[in-house]
All heavy atoms as atom14 arrays in JSON, in Angstrom:
{
  "sequence": "DLSAIARAHAAANQEALLEHARMGRSVCEWRDGKVVW",
  "atom14_mask": [
    [1, 1, 1, 1, 1, 1, 1, 1, 0, 0, 0, 0, 0, 0],
    [1, 1, 1, 1, 1, 1, 1, 1, 0, 0, 0, 0, 0, 0],
    [1, 1, 1, 1, 1, 1, 0, 0, 0, 0, 0, 0, 0, 0],
    [1, 1, 1, 1, 1, 0, 0, 0, 0, 0, 0, 0, 0, 0],
    [1, 1, 1, 1, 1, 1, 1, 1, 0, 0, 0, 0, 0, 0],
    [1, 1, 1, 1, 1, 0, 0, 0, 0, 0, 0, 0, 0, 0],
    [1, 1, 1, 1, 1, 1, 1, 1, 1, 1, 1, 0, 0, 0],
    [1, 1, 1, 1, 1, 0, 0, 0, 0, 0, 0, 0, 0, 0],
    [1, 1, 1, 1, 1, 1, 1, 1, 1, 1, 0, 0, 0, 0],
    [1, 1, 1, 1, 1, 0, 0, 0, 0, 0, 0, 0, 0, 0],
    [1, 1, 1, 1, 1, 0, 0, 0, 0, 0, 0, 0, 0, 0],
    [1, 1, 1, 1, 1, 0, 0, 0, 0, 0, 0, 0, 0, 0],
    [1, 1, 1, 1, 1, 1, 1, 1, 0, 0, 0, 0, 0, 0],
    [1, 1, 1, 1, 1, 1, 1, 1, 1, 0, 0, 0, 0, 0],
    [1, 1, 1, 1, 1, 1, 1, 1, 1, 0, 0, 0, 0, 0],
    [1, 1, 1, 1, 1, 0, 0, 0, 0, 0, 0, 0, 0, 0],
    [1, 1, 1, 1, 1, 1, 1, 1, 0, 0, 0, 0, 0, 0],
    [1, 1, 1, 1, 1, 1, 1, 1, 0, 0, 0, 0, 0, 0],
    [1, 1, 1, 1, 1, 1, 1, 1, 1, 0, 0, 0, 0, 0],
    [1, 1, 1, 1, 1, 1, 1, 1, 1, 1, 0, 0, 0, 0],
    [1, 1, 1, 1, 1, 0, 0, 0, 0, 0, 0, 0, 0, 0],
    [1, 1, 1, 1, 1, 1, 1, 1, 1, 1, 1, 0, 0, 0],
    [1, 1, 1, 1, 1, 1, 1, 1, 0, 0, 0, 0, 0, 0],
    [1, 1, 1, 1, 0, 0, 0, 0, 0, 0, 0, 0, 0, 0],
    [1, 1, 1, 1, 1, 1, 1, 1, 1, 1, 1, 0, 0, 0],
    [1, 1, 1, 1, 1, 1, 0, 0, 0, 0, 0, 0, 0, 0],
    [1, 1, 1, 1, 1, 1, 1, 0, 0, 0, 0, 0, 0, 0],
    [1, 1, 1, 1, 1, 1, 0, 0, 0, 0, 0, 0, 0, 0],
    [1, 1, 1, 1, 1, 1, 1, 1, 1, 0, 0, 0, 0, 0],
    [1, 1, 1, 1, 1, 1, 1, 1, 1, 1, 1, 1, 1, 1],
    [1, 1, 1, 1, 1, 1, 1, 1, 1, 1, 1, 0, 0, 0],
    [1, 1, 1, 1, 1, 1, 1, 1, 0, 0, 0, 0, 0, 0],
    [1, 1, 1, 1, 0, 0, 0, 0, 0, 0, 0, 0, 0, 0],
    [1, 1, 1, 1, 1, 1, 1, 1, 1, 0, 0, 0, 0, 0],
    [1, 1, 1, 1, 1, 1, 1, 0, 0, 0, 0, 0, 0, 0],
    [1, 1, 1, 1, 1, 1, 1, 0, 0, 0, 0, 0, 0, 0],
    [1, 1, 1, 1, 1, 1, 1, 1, 1, 1, 1, 1, 1, 1]
  ],
  "atom14_positions": [
    [[82.11, 100.61, 104.79], [81.65, 100.31, 106.16], [82.89, 100.12, 107.02], [83.48, 99.01, 107.02], [80.74, 99.03, 106.19], [80.21, 98.74, 107.57], [80.55, 99.45, 108.54], [79.4, 97.79, 107.67], [0.0, 0.0, 0.0], [0.0, 0.0, 0.0], [0.0, 0.0, 0.0], [0.0, 0.0, 0.0], [0.0, 0.0, 0.0], [0.0, 0.0, 0.0]],
    [[83.33, 101.16, 107.7], [84.62, 101.11, 108.42], [84.51, 100.11, 109.55], [85.55, 99.5, 109.9], [84.96, 102.51, 108.94], [85.23, 103.52, 107.83], [85.57, 104.92, 108.38], [86.31, 103.05, 106.84], [0.0, 0.0, 0.0], [0.0, 0.0, 0.0], [0.0, 0.0, 0.0], [0.0, 0.0, 0.0], [0.0, 0.0, 0.0], [0.0, 0.0, 0.0]],
    [[83.4, 99.98, 110.2], [83.32, 99.02, 111.32], [83.46, 97.58, 110.8], [84.05, 96.74, 111.46], [82.0, 99.2, 112.06], [80.86, 98.97, 111.26], [0.0, 0.0, 0.0], [0.0, 0.0, 0.0], [0.0, 0.0, 0.0], [0.0, 0.0, 0.0], [0.0, 0.0, 0.0], [0.0, 0.0, 0.0], [0.0, 0.0, 0.0], [0.0, 0.0, 0.0]],
    [[82.9, 97.3, 109.58], [83.1, 95.98, 109.04], [84.56, 95.71, 108.67], [85.07, 94.62, 108.89], [82.22, 95.85, 107.78], [0.0, 0.0, 0.0], [0.0, 0.0, 0.0], [0.0, 0.0, 0.0], [0.0, 0.0, 0.0], [0.0, 0.0, 0.0], [0.0, 0.0, 0.0], [0.0, 0.0, 0.0], [0.0, 0.0, 0.0], [0.0, 0.0, 0.0]],
    [[85.24, 96.74, 108.17], [86.64, 96.62, 107.88], [87.42, 96.34, 109.15], [88.32, 95.52, 109.18], [87.15, 97.9, 107.13], [86.5, 97.95, 105.82], [88.64, 97.88, 107.01], [86.73, 99.3, 105.03], [0.0, 0.0, 0.0], [0.0, 0.0, 0.0], [0.0, 0.0, 0.0], [0.0, 0.0, 0.0], [0.0, 0.0, 0.0], [0.0, 0.0, 0.0]],
    [[87.12, 97.05, 110.23], [87.8, 96.9, 111.51], [87.57, 95.5, 112.05], [88.5, 94.86, 112.59], [87.36, 97.96, 112.48], [0.0, 0.0, 0.0], [0.0, 0.0, 0.0], [0.0, 0.0, 0.0], [0.0, 0.0, 0.0], [0.0, 0.0, 0.0], [0.0, 0.0, 0.0], [0.0, 0.0, 0.0], [0.0, 0.0, 0.0], [0.0, 0.0, 0.0]],
    [[86.33, 94.97, 111.96], [86.05, 93.61, 112.4], [86.81, 92.58, 111.6], [87.37, 91.64, 112.15], [84.56, 93.34, 112.37], [83.75, 94.08, 113.41], [82.27, 93.57, 113.52], [81.61, 93.56, 112.19], [80.95, 94.61, 111.71], [80.91, 95.74, 112.38], [80.36, 94.51, 110.52], [0.0, 0.0, 0.0], [0.0, 0.0, 0.0], [0.0, 0.0, 0.0]],
    [[86.86, 92.76, 110.34], [87.61, 91.79, 109.46], [89.09, 91.83, 109.78], [89.79, 90.8, 109.84], [87.38, 92.14, 107.98], [0.0, 0.0, 0.0], [0.0, 0.0, 0.0], [0.0, 0.0, 0.0], [0.0, 0.0, 0.0], [0.0, 0.0, 0.0], [0.0, 0.0, 0.0], [0.0, 0.0, 0.0], [0.0, 0.0, 0.0], [0.0, 0.0, 0.0]],
    [[89.63, 93.05, 110.01], [91.06, 93.17, 110.35], [91.37, 92.47, 111.7], [92.32, 91.71, 111.84], [91.45, 94.65, 110.43], [92.89, 94.82, 110.7], [93.34, 95.14, 111.96], [93.99, 94.78, 109.91], [94.68, 95.27, 111.93], [95.09, 95.03, 110.69], [0.0, 0.0, 0.0], [0.0, 0.0, 0.0], [0.0, 0.0, 0.0], [0.0, 0.0, 0.0]],
    [[90.5, 92.67, 112.66], [90.67, 92.1, 114.0], [90.6, 90.55, 113.89], [91.37, 89.82, 114.53], [89.61, 92.59, 115.0], [0.0, 0.0, 0.0], [0.0, 0.0, 0.0], [0.0, 0.0, 0.0], [0.0, 0.0, 0.0], [0.0, 0.0, 0.0], [0.0, 0.0, 0.0], [0.0, 0.0, 0.0], [0.0, 0.0, 0.0], [0.0, 0.0, 0.0]],
    [[89.66, 90.01, 113.1], [89.48, 88.6, 112.95], [90.74, 87.98, 112.27], [91.26, 86.92, 112.68], [88.25, 88.29, 112.13], [0.0, 0.0, 0.0], [0.0, 0.0, 0.0], [0.0, 0.0, 0.0], [0.0, 0.0, 0.0], [0.0, 0.0, 0.0], [0.0, 0.0, 0.0], [0.0, 0.0, 0.0], [0.0, 0.0, 0.0], [0.0, 0.0, 0.0]],
    [[91.26, 88.66, 111.22], [92.43, 88.18, 110.55], [93.68, 88.18, 111.51], [94.47, 87.26, 111.46], [92.72, 89.03, 109.31], [0.0, 0.0, 0.0], [0.0, 0.0, 0.0], [0.0, 0.0, 0.0], [0.0, 0.0, 0.0], [0.0, 0.0, 0.0], [0.0, 0.0, 0.0], [0.0, 0.0, 0.0], [0.0, 0.0, 0.0], [0.0, 0.0, 0.0]],
    [[93.8, 89.27, 112.27], [94.92, 89.36, 113.21], [94.84, 88.26, 114.22], [95.79, 87.65, 114.56], [94.87, 90.75, 113.87], [96.1, 91.03, 114.67], [97.23, 90.82, 114.22], [95.87, 91.45, 115.91], [0.0, 0.0, 0.0], [0.0, 0.0, 0.0], [0.0, 0.0, 0.0], [0.0, 0.0, 0.0], [0.0, 0.0, 0.0], [0.0, 0.0, 0.0]],
    [[93.63, 88.02, 114.81], [93.47, 86.96, 115.79], [93.83, 85.57, 115.18], [94.6, 84.83, 115.84], [91.99, 86.93, 116.25], [91.75, 85.79, 117.24], [90.3, 85.76, 117.71], [89.57, 86.75, 117.61], [89.85, 84.63, 118.25], [0.0, 0.0, 0.0], [0.0, 0.0, 0.0], [0.0, 0.0, 0.0], [0.0, 0.0, 0.0], [0.0, 0.0, 0.0]],
    [[93.4, 85.31, 113.96], [93.69, 84.03, 113.39], [95.16, 83.86, 113.11], [95.73, 82.82, 113.33], [92.88, 83.83, 112.06], [93.08, 82.48, 111.44], [92.76, 81.33, 112.4], [91.83, 81.41, 113.21], [93.51, 80.31, 112.36], [0.0, 0.0, 0.0], [0.0, 0.0, 0.0], [0.0, 0.0, 0.0], [0.0, 0.0, 0.0], [0.0, 0.0, 0.0]],
    [[95.85, 84.93, 112.72], [97.28, 84.9, 112.44], [98.05, 84.61, 113.75], [98.93, 83.82, 113.84], [97.79, 86.16, 111.82], [0.0, 0.0, 0.0], [0.0, 0.0, 0.0], [0.0, 0.0, 0.0], [0.0, 0.0, 0.0], [0.0, 0.0, 0.0], [0.0, 0.0, 0.0], [0.0, 0.0, 0.0], [0.0, 0.0, 0.0], [0.0, 0.0, 0.0]],
    [[97.63, 85.3, 114.85], [98.28, 85.1, 116.17], [98.08, 83.68, 116.63], [98.99, 83.02, 117.11], [97.73, 86.11, 117.16], [98.19, 87.57, 117.05], [97.44, 88.46, 118.0], [99.72, 87.68, 117.29], [0.0, 0.0, 0.0], [0.0, 0.0, 0.0], [0.0, 0.0, 0.0], [0.0, 0.0, 0.0], [0.0, 0.0, 0.0], [0.0, 0.0, 0.0]],
    [[96.83, 83.19, 116.56], [96.56, 81.8, 116.99], [97.3, 80.77, 116.15], [97.73, 79.79, 116.67], [95.04, 81.56, 116.97], [94.27, 82.3, 118.07], [92.75, 82.15, 117.87], [94.69, 81.88, 119.43], [0.0, 0.0, 0.0], [0.0, 0.0, 0.0], [0.0, 0.0, 0.0], [0.0, 0.0, 0.0], [0.0, 0.0, 0.0], [0.0, 0.0, 0.0]],
    [[97.46, 81.04, 114.85], [98.19, 80.09, 114.04], [99.61, 80.0, 114.48], [100.21, 78.94, 114.59], [98.13, 80.53, 112.57], [98.77, 79.61, 111.62], [98.65, 80.03, 110.15], [97.73, 80.82, 109.88], [99.48, 79.58, 109.35], [0.0, 0.0, 0.0], [0.0, 0.0, 0.0], [0.0, 0.0, 0.0], [0.0, 0.0, 0.0], [0.0, 0.0, 0.0]],
    [[100.24, 81.17, 114.77], [101.64, 81.19, 115.28], [101.72, 80.46, 116.61], [102.63, 79.64, 116.84], [102.16, 82.59, 115.42], [102.67, 83.18, 114.16], [103.94, 82.95, 113.7], [102.09, 83.98, 113.29], [104.07, 83.62, 112.6], [102.95, 84.25, 112.27], [0.0, 0.0, 0.0], [0.0, 0.0, 0.0], [0.0, 0.0, 0.0], [0.0, 0.0, 0.0]],
    [[100.77, 80.65, 117.47], [100.74, 80.03, 118.81], [100.6, 78.53, 118.68], [101.29, 77.77, 119.36], [99.66, 80.62, 119.67], [0.0, 0.0, 0.0], [0.0, 0.0, 0.0], [0.0, 0.0, 0.0], [0.0, 0.0, 0.0], [0.0, 0.0, 0.0], [0.0, 0.0, 0.0], [0.0, 0.0, 0.0], [0.0, 0.0, 0.0], [0.0, 0.0, 0.0]],
    [[99.74, 78.07, 117.8], [99.53, 76.62, 117.57], [100.83, 75.97, 117.08], [101.04, 74.75, 117.35], [98.44, 76.4, 116.58], [97.06, 76.63, 117.12], [95.94, 76.28, 116.06], [94.73, 76.96, 116.39], [94.25, 77.96, 115.66], [94.82, 78.36, 114.55], [93.09, 78.56, 116.05], [0.0, 0.0, 0.0], [0.0, 0.0, 0.0], [0.0, 0.0, 0.0]],
    [[101.65, 76.71, 116.35], [102.9, 76.13, 115.88], [104.03, 76.32, 116.92], [105.16, 75.95, 116.64], [103.31, 76.84, 114.55], [102.36, 76.46, 113.4], [102.93, 77.11, 111.84], [102.56, 78.83, 112.01], [0.0, 0.0, 0.0], [0.0, 0.0, 0.0], [0.0, 0.0, 0.0], [0.0, 0.0, 0.0], [0.0, 0.0, 0.0], [0.0, 0.0, 0.0]],
    [[103.67, 76.86, 118.08], [104.68, 77.05, 119.13], [105.59, 78.22, 118.95], [106.63, 78.3, 119.62], [0.0, 0.0, 0.0], [0.0, 0.0, 0.0], [0.0, 0.0, 0.0], [0.0, 0.0, 0.0], [0.0, 0.0, 0.0], [0.0, 0.0, 0.0], [0.0, 0.0, 0.0], [0.0, 0.0, 0.0], [0.0, 0.0, 0.0], [0.0, 0.0, 0.0]],
    [[105.2, 79.15, 118.1], [106.02, 80.3, 117.84], [105.56, 81.49, 118.73], [104.36, 81.78, 118.81], [105.92, 80.72, 116.41], [106.43, 79.7, 115.42], [106.23, 80.25, 114.02], [106.72, 79.26, 113.07], [106.41, 79.35, 111.79], [105.68, 80.37, 111.33], [106.85, 78.42, 110.94], [0.0, 0.0, 0.0], [0.0, 0.0, 0.0], [0.0, 0.0, 0.0]],
    [[106.51, 82.21, 119.23], [106.26, 83.48, 119.89], [106.12, 84.58, 118.8], [106.65, 84.43, 117.72], [107.37, 83.84, 120.84], [107.47, 82.9, 121.88], [0.0, 0.0, 0.0], [0.0, 0.0, 0.0], [0.0, 0.0, 0.0], [0.0, 0.0, 0.0], [0.0, 0.0, 0.0], [0.0, 0.0, 0.0], [0.0, 0.0, 0.0], [0.0, 0.0, 0.0]],
    [[105.44, 85.64, 119.14], [105.36, 86.79, 118.23], [105.77, 88.01, 119.02], [105.74, 88.04, 120.27], [103.98, 86.95, 117.63], [103.54, 85.8, 116.79], [102.96, 87.18, 118.74], [0.0, 0.0, 0.0], [0.0, 0.0, 0.0], [0.0, 0.0, 0.0], [0.0, 0.0, 0.0], [0.0, 0.0, 0.0], [0.0, 0.0, 0.0], [0.0, 0.0, 0.0]],
    [[106.2, 89.06, 118.3], [106.53, 90.26, 118.96], [105.46, 91.35, 118.77], [104.74, 91.33, 117.77], [107.91, 90.77, 118.52], [108.04, 91.16, 116.76], [0.0, 0.0, 0.0], [0.0, 0.0, 0.0], [0.0, 0.0, 0.0], [0.0, 0.0, 0.0], [0.0, 0.0, 0.0], [0.0, 0.0, 0.0], [0.0, 0.0, 0.0], [0.0, 0.0, 0.0]],
    [[105.39, 92.26, 119.72], [104.49, 93.39, 119.59], [105.13, 94.59, 120.28], [106.05, 94.44, 121.04], [103.11, 93.09, 120.11], [102.96, 93.04, 121.62], [101.51, 92.73, 122.04], [100.71, 92.34, 121.21], [101.2, 92.97, 123.22], [0.0, 0.0, 0.0], [0.0, 0.0, 0.0], [0.0, 0.0, 0.0], [0.0, 0.0, 0.0], [0.0, 0.0, 0.0]],
    [[104.6, 95.75, 120.05], [105.09, 96.98, 120.58], [104.29, 97.31, 121.84], [103.05, 97.45, 121.78], [104.94, 98.09, 119.56], [105.59, 99.37, 119.89], [104.97, 100.48, 120.36], [106.94, 99.72, 119.7], [105.86, 101.5, 120.52], [107.12, 101.04, 120.16], [108.05, 99.03, 119.24], [108.35, 101.72, 120.14], [109.28, 99.66, 119.24], [109.41, 100.99, 119.67]],
    [[104.96, 97.45, 122.99], [104.32, 97.83, 124.26], [105.19, 98.86, 125.0], [106.33, 98.66, 125.21], [104.26, 96.6, 125.18], [103.06, 95.72, 124.96], [102.96, 94.73, 126.13], [102.26, 93.57, 125.65], [102.3, 92.41, 126.3], [102.95, 92.3, 127.41], [101.64, 91.34, 125.85], [0.0, 0.0, 0.0], [0.0, 0.0, 0.0], [0.0, 0.0, 0.0]],
    [[104.53, 99.93, 125.34], [105.19, 100.98, 126.11], [106.53, 101.38, 125.54], [107.51, 101.55, 126.24], [105.41, 100.49, 127.62], [104.05, 100.15, 128.26], [103.06, 100.86, 127.99], [104.01, 99.17, 129.02], [0.0, 0.0, 0.0], [0.0, 0.0, 0.0], [0.0, 0.0, 0.0], [0.0, 0.0, 0.0], [0.0, 0.0, 0.0], [0.0, 0.0, 0.0]],
    [[106.59, 101.54, 124.22], [107.8, 102.0, 123.63], [108.88, 100.95, 123.41], [110.01, 101.25, 123.09], [0.0, 0.0, 0.0], [0.0, 0.0, 0.0], [0.0, 0.0, 0.0], [0.0, 0.0, 0.0], [0.0, 0.0, 0.0], [0.0, 0.0, 0.0], [0.0, 0.0, 0.0], [0.0, 0.0, 0.0], [0.0, 0.0, 0.0], [0.0, 0.0, 0.0]],
    [[108.5, 99.7, 123.64], [109.52, 98.61, 123.5], [108.93, 97.46, 122.75], [107.73, 97.2, 122.75], [109.96, 98.09, 124.89], [110.63, 99.09, 125.77], [110.93, 98.48, 127.1], [111.47, 99.59, 128.04], [111.71, 99.06, 129.36], [0.0, 0.0, 0.0], [0.0, 0.0, 0.0], [0.0, 0.0, 0.0], [0.0, 0.0, 0.0], [0.0, 0.0, 0.0]],
    [[109.78, 96.67, 122.1], [109.36, 95.46, 121.42], [109.39, 94.32, 122.5], [110.45, 94.13, 123.18], [110.27, 95.1, 120.26], [109.9, 93.71, 119.66], [110.22, 96.17, 119.2], [0.0, 0.0, 0.0], [0.0, 0.0, 0.0], [0.0, 0.0, 0.0], [0.0, 0.0, 0.0], [0.0, 0.0, 0.0], [0.0, 0.0, 0.0], [0.0, 0.0, 0.0]],
    [[108.31, 93.6, 122.65], [108.28, 92.52, 123.6], [107.79, 91.24, 122.88], [107.02, 91.35, 121.93], [107.34, 92.8, 124.79], [107.88, 93.96, 125.67], [105.97, 93.12, 124.38], [0.0, 0.0, 0.0], [0.0, 0.0, 0.0], [0.0, 0.0, 0.0], [0.0, 0.0, 0.0], [0.0, 0.0, 0.0], [0.0, 0.0, 0.0], [0.0, 0.0, 0.0]],
    [[108.3, 90.12, 123.31], [107.94, 88.82, 122.75], [106.75, 88.25, 123.52], [106.81, 88.23, 124.72], [109.1, 87.9, 122.67], [110.06, 88.22, 121.61], [111.17, 89.05, 121.75], [109.99, 87.89, 120.23], [111.75, 89.2, 120.52], [111.08, 88.52, 119.6], [109.07, 87.08, 119.53], [111.29, 88.33, 118.24], [109.37, 86.92, 118.16], [110.43, 87.52, 117.55]]
  ]
}
């Protein structure tokens, strides 16, 4: 079930991002061909 896999991946990604934010850490991502914090 690819949609279930996509939902699980999105939920895990959200929890990881929020965990970093709760610890006061910035994260980087790729936007418009550049790495941004």
